[in-house]
Amino acid sequence: MSDLTSLKNIGAEMQRKLNSVEIFTAKELKEIGSKEAFARLKLSYPKVCLVHLYSLEGAISDTEYNHLSESTKQELKDFKENL
């Protein structure tokens, strides 16, 4: 079982939140994807923001969230705005 905190951008607090929405491993997060994981988080934690979504995408793609491509950031921003 791969600990979520082994991924980039995922600290203990984000791991706790992900666990609370039934995401427990890095493999599960990668299978679910950043958008679905963010949607789950948003239901339980209405104050999660765009940076959380960037962090999840970065964790999945092994990229620091602030180094995501502009096109990826725009796609995620559009997703969040339409959620």
N, C-alpha and C. Protein backbone atom coordinates (compact mmCIF):
# COMPACT_ATOMS: atom_id res chain seq x y z
N MET A 1 0.84 -1.18 0.00
CA MET A 1 0.00 0.00 0.00
C MET A 1 0.89 1.24 0.00
N SER A 2 0.78 2.04 -1.02
CA SER A 2 1.62 3.22 -1.17
C SER A 2 1.00 4.41 -0.44
N ASP A 3 1.76 4.97 0.46
CA ASP A 3 1.29 6.10 1.25
C ASP A 3 1.10 7.32 0.36
N LEU A 4 -0.01 8.00 0.53
CA LEU A 4 -0.29 9.18 -0.29
C LEU A 4 0.77 10.26 -0.11
N THR A 5 1.35 10.36 1.08
CA THR A 5 2.34 11.40 1.31
C THR A 5 3.66 11.12 0.58
N SER A 6 3.78 9.96 -0.03
CA SER A 6 4.97 9.69 -0.85
C SER A 6 4.88 10.44 -2.19
N LEU A 7 3.69 10.94 -2.51
CA LEU A 7 3.49 11.69 -3.75
C LEU A 7 3.84 13.17 -3.53
N LYS A 8 4.27 13.82 -4.60
CA LYS A 8 4.51 15.26 -4.54
C LYS A 8 3.22 15.97 -4.18
N ASN A 9 3.33 17.05 -3.44
CA ASN A 9 2.23 17.95 -3.10
C ASN A 9 1.25 17.40 -2.06
N ILE A 10 1.45 16.19 -1.58
CA ILE A 10 0.50 15.60 -0.63
C ILE A 10 1.15 15.52 0.74
N GLY A 11 0.63 16.34 1.65
CA GLY A 11 1.10 16.31 3.03
C GLY A 11 0.12 15.56 3.90
N ALA A 12 0.38 15.58 5.18
CA ALA A 12 -0.45 14.83 6.12
C ALA A 12 -1.91 15.31 6.11
N GLU A 13 -2.12 16.62 6.01
CA GLU A 13 -3.49 17.15 6.04
C GLU A 13 -4.26 16.73 4.78
N MET A 14 -3.62 16.83 3.63
CA MET A 14 -4.29 16.41 2.39
C MET A 14 -4.55 14.91 2.42
N GLN A 15 -3.61 14.14 2.95
CA GLN A 15 -3.82 12.70 3.06
C GLN A 15 -5.04 12.42 3.94
N ARG A 16 -5.17 13.13 5.07
CA ARG A 16 -6.31 12.94 5.96
C ARG A 16 -7.62 13.22 5.24
N LYS A 17 -7.64 14.30 4.48
CA LYS A 17 -8.85 14.66 3.73
C LYS A 17 -9.16 13.61 2.67
N LEU A 18 -8.14 13.17 1.95
CA LEU A 18 -8.36 12.15 0.92
C LEU A 18 -8.87 10.85 1.56
N ASN A 19 -8.29 10.47 2.68
CA ASN A 19 -8.76 9.27 3.38
C ASN A 19 -10.23 9.39 3.75
N SER A 20 -10.66 10.60 4.13
CA SER A 20 -12.04 10.80 4.55
C SER A 20 -13.02 10.66 3.39
N VAL A 21 -12.52 10.76 2.15
CA VAL A 21 -13.39 10.57 0.98
C VAL A 21 -13.05 9.26 0.25
N GLU A 22 -12.53 8.30 1.05
CA GLU A 22 -12.30 6.93 0.58
C GLU A 22 -11.19 6.81 -0.46
N ILE A 23 -10.17 7.64 -0.36
CA ILE A 23 -8.97 7.51 -1.20
C ILE A 23 -7.82 7.29 -0.23
N PHE A 24 -7.23 6.09 -0.29
CA PHE A 24 -6.25 5.69 0.72
C PHE A 24 -4.84 5.47 0.18
N THR A 25 -4.68 5.25 -1.10
CA THR A 25 -3.36 4.93 -1.63
C THR A 25 -3.06 5.79 -2.87
N ALA A 26 -1.78 5.86 -3.18
CA ALA A 26 -1.37 6.56 -4.39
C ALA A 26 -2.00 5.92 -5.62
N LYS A 27 -2.08 4.60 -5.62
CA LYS A 27 -2.69 3.90 -6.75
C LYS A 27 -4.15 4.29 -6.92
N GLU A 28 -4.87 4.35 -5.81
CA GLU A 28 -6.29 4.74 -5.89
C GLU A 28 -6.43 6.17 -6.42
N LEU A 29 -5.59 7.07 -5.95
CA LEU A 29 -5.66 8.45 -6.42
C LEU A 29 -5.40 8.51 -7.92
N LYS A 30 -4.41 7.78 -8.38
CA LYS A 30 -4.08 7.79 -9.81
C LYS A 30 -5.21 7.19 -10.64
N GLU A 31 -5.85 6.15 -10.13
CA GLU A 31 -6.96 5.53 -10.85
C GLU A 31 -8.19 6.44 -10.89
N ILE A 32 -8.45 7.12 -9.80
CA ILE A 32 -9.62 8.00 -9.70
C ILE A 32 -9.40 9.27 -10.51
N GLY A 33 -8.20 9.80 -10.44
CA GLY A 33 -7.87 11.02 -11.16
C GLY A 33 -8.10 12.26 -10.30
N SER A 34 -7.43 13.33 -10.69
CA SER A 34 -7.47 14.55 -9.89
C SER A 34 -8.86 15.18 -9.86
N LYS A 35 -9.56 15.14 -10.96
CA LYS A 35 -10.87 15.80 -11.02
C LYS A 35 -11.89 15.10 -10.13
N GLU A 36 -11.96 13.79 -10.20
CA GLU A 36 -12.91 13.05 -9.36
C GLU A 36 -12.52 13.19 -7.88
N ALA A 37 -11.23 13.12 -7.59
CA ALA A 37 -10.78 13.28 -6.21
C ALA A 37 -11.16 14.66 -5.69
N PHE A 38 -10.96 15.68 -6.50
CA PHE A 38 -11.30 17.05 -6.11
C PHE A 38 -12.81 17.19 -5.90
N ALA A 39 -13.59 16.61 -6.78
CA ALA A 39 -15.05 16.68 -6.65
C ALA A 39 -15.49 16.04 -5.33
N ARG A 40 -14.89 14.92 -4.97
CA ARG A 40 -15.21 14.28 -3.69
C ARG A 40 -14.84 15.19 -2.53
N LEU A 41 -13.65 15.77 -2.61
CA LEU A 41 -13.20 16.66 -1.54
C LEU A 41 -14.13 17.86 -1.40
N LYS A 42 -14.55 18.41 -2.52
CA LYS A 42 -15.39 19.61 -2.52
C LYS A 42 -16.70 19.36 -1.79
N LEU A 43 -17.24 18.15 -1.90
CA LEU A 43 -18.48 17.81 -1.20
C LEU A 43 -18.30 17.83 0.32
N SER A 44 -17.16 17.33 0.77
CA SER A 44 -16.91 17.27 2.22
C SER A 44 -16.25 18.52 2.77
N TYR A 45 -15.49 19.19 1.92
CA TYR A 45 -14.72 20.37 2.33
C TYR A 45 -14.97 21.49 1.33
N PRO A 46 -16.08 22.21 1.48
CA PRO A 46 -16.46 23.23 0.49
C PRO A 46 -15.40 24.30 0.24
N LYS A 47 -14.48 24.48 1.18
CA LYS A 47 -13.48 25.54 1.02
C LYS A 47 -12.24 25.10 0.24
N VAL A 48 -12.17 23.84 -0.20
CA VAL A 48 -11.01 23.48 -1.02
C VAL A 48 -11.00 24.35 -2.26
N CYS A 49 -9.81 24.70 -2.70
CA CYS A 49 -9.69 25.67 -3.78
C CYS A 49 -8.92 25.10 -4.96
N LEU A 50 -8.71 25.94 -5.94
CA LEU A 50 -8.04 25.54 -7.17
C LEU A 50 -6.65 24.98 -6.90
N VAL A 51 -5.95 25.53 -5.92
CA VAL A 51 -4.60 25.03 -5.60
C VAL A 51 -4.66 23.56 -5.17
N HIS A 52 -5.73 23.17 -4.49
CA HIS A 52 -5.89 21.76 -4.12
C HIS A 52 -5.99 20.89 -5.37
N LEU A 53 -6.74 21.36 -6.35
CA LEU A 53 -6.88 20.61 -7.59
C LEU A 53 -5.54 20.53 -8.31
N TYR A 54 -4.82 21.63 -8.37
CA TYR A 54 -3.47 21.63 -8.97
C TYR A 54 -2.56 20.64 -8.22
N SER A 55 -2.66 20.64 -6.91
CA SER A 55 -1.82 19.74 -6.11
C SER A 55 -2.12 18.28 -6.40
N LEU A 56 -3.40 17.96 -6.54
CA LEU A 56 -3.78 16.58 -6.86
C LEU A 56 -3.27 16.17 -8.23
N GLU A 57 -3.42 17.06 -9.21
CA GLU A 57 -2.93 16.76 -10.56
C GLU A 57 -1.41 16.60 -10.54
N GLY A 58 -0.74 17.47 -9.81
CA GLY A 58 0.72 17.36 -9.70
C GLY A 58 1.15 16.07 -9.02
N ALA A 59 0.40 15.65 -8.01
CA ALA A 59 0.71 14.40 -7.32
C ALA A 59 0.62 13.22 -8.29
N ILE A 60 -0.40 13.24 -9.12
CA ILE A 60 -0.62 12.15 -10.08
C ILE A 60 0.45 12.15 -11.17
N SER A 61 0.84 13.35 -11.62
CA SER A 61 1.81 13.45 -12.72
C SER A 61 3.24 13.64 -12.24
N ASP A 62 3.46 13.53 -10.93
CA ASP A 62 4.80 13.67 -10.33
C ASP A 62 5.43 15.02 -10.69
N THR A 63 4.64 16.08 -10.51
CA THR A 63 5.06 17.43 -10.84
C THR A 63 4.70 18.35 -9.67
N GLU A 64 5.59 19.25 -9.34
CA GLU A 64 5.24 20.27 -8.35
C GLU A 64 4.04 21.04 -8.91
N TYR A 65 3.06 21.32 -8.07
CA TYR A 65 1.82 21.92 -8.57
C TYR A 65 2.05 23.24 -9.29
N ASN A 66 3.06 23.99 -8.88
CA ASN A 66 3.31 25.28 -9.53
C ASN A 66 4.12 25.15 -10.82
N HIS A 67 4.44 23.92 -11.21
CA HIS A 67 5.14 23.67 -12.47
C HIS A 67 4.25 22.99 -13.51
N LEU A 68 2.97 22.88 -13.23
CA LEU A 68 2.05 22.34 -14.24
C LEU A 68 2.02 23.27 -15.44
N SER A 69 1.78 22.72 -16.59
CA SER A 69 1.72 23.54 -17.81
C SER A 69 0.53 24.50 -17.73
N GLU A 70 0.63 25.59 -18.43
CA GLU A 70 -0.46 26.57 -18.45
C GLU A 70 -1.74 25.94 -19.01
N SER A 71 -1.60 25.07 -20.02
CA SER A 71 -2.79 24.44 -20.59
C SER A 71 -3.46 23.51 -19.58
N THR A 72 -2.65 22.79 -18.81
CA THR A 72 -3.21 21.92 -17.76
C THR A 72 -3.91 22.76 -16.70
N LYS A 73 -3.26 23.84 -16.27
CA LYS A 73 -3.87 24.72 -15.28
C LYS A 73 -5.20 25.28 -15.78
N GLN A 74 -5.25 25.66 -17.04
CA GLN A 74 -6.48 26.22 -17.59
C GLN A 74 -7.58 25.16 -17.64
N GLU A 75 -7.22 23.95 -18.05
CA GLU A 75 -8.19 22.86 -18.10
C GLU A 75 -8.76 22.58 -16.71
N LEU A 76 -7.90 22.57 -15.70
CA LEU A 76 -8.34 22.32 -14.33
C LEU A 76 -9.19 23.48 -13.81
N LYS A 77 -8.80 24.69 -14.15
CA LYS A 77 -9.57 25.86 -13.74
C LYS A 77 -10.97 25.81 -14.34
N ASP A 78 -11.06 25.46 -15.62
CA ASP A 78 -12.36 25.34 -16.28
C ASP A 78 -13.21 24.27 -15.61
N PHE A 79 -12.57 23.13 -15.26
CA PHE A 79 -13.29 22.05 -14.59
C PHE A 79 -13.86 22.55 -13.26
N LYS A 80 -13.02 23.22 -12.46
CA LYS A 80 -13.46 23.70 -11.15
C LYS A 80 -14.61 24.68 -11.29
N GLU A 81 -14.53 25.57 -12.24
CA GLU A 81 -15.57 26.58 -12.42
C GLU A 81 -16.91 25.95 -12.86
N ASN A 82 -16.84 24.81 -13.50
CA ASN A 82 -18.06 24.14 -13.98
C ASN A 82 -18.56 23.04 -13.03
N LEU A 83 -17.84 22.87 -11.93
CA LEU A 83 -18.19 21.80 -10.98
C LEU A 83 -19.46 22.15 -10.24
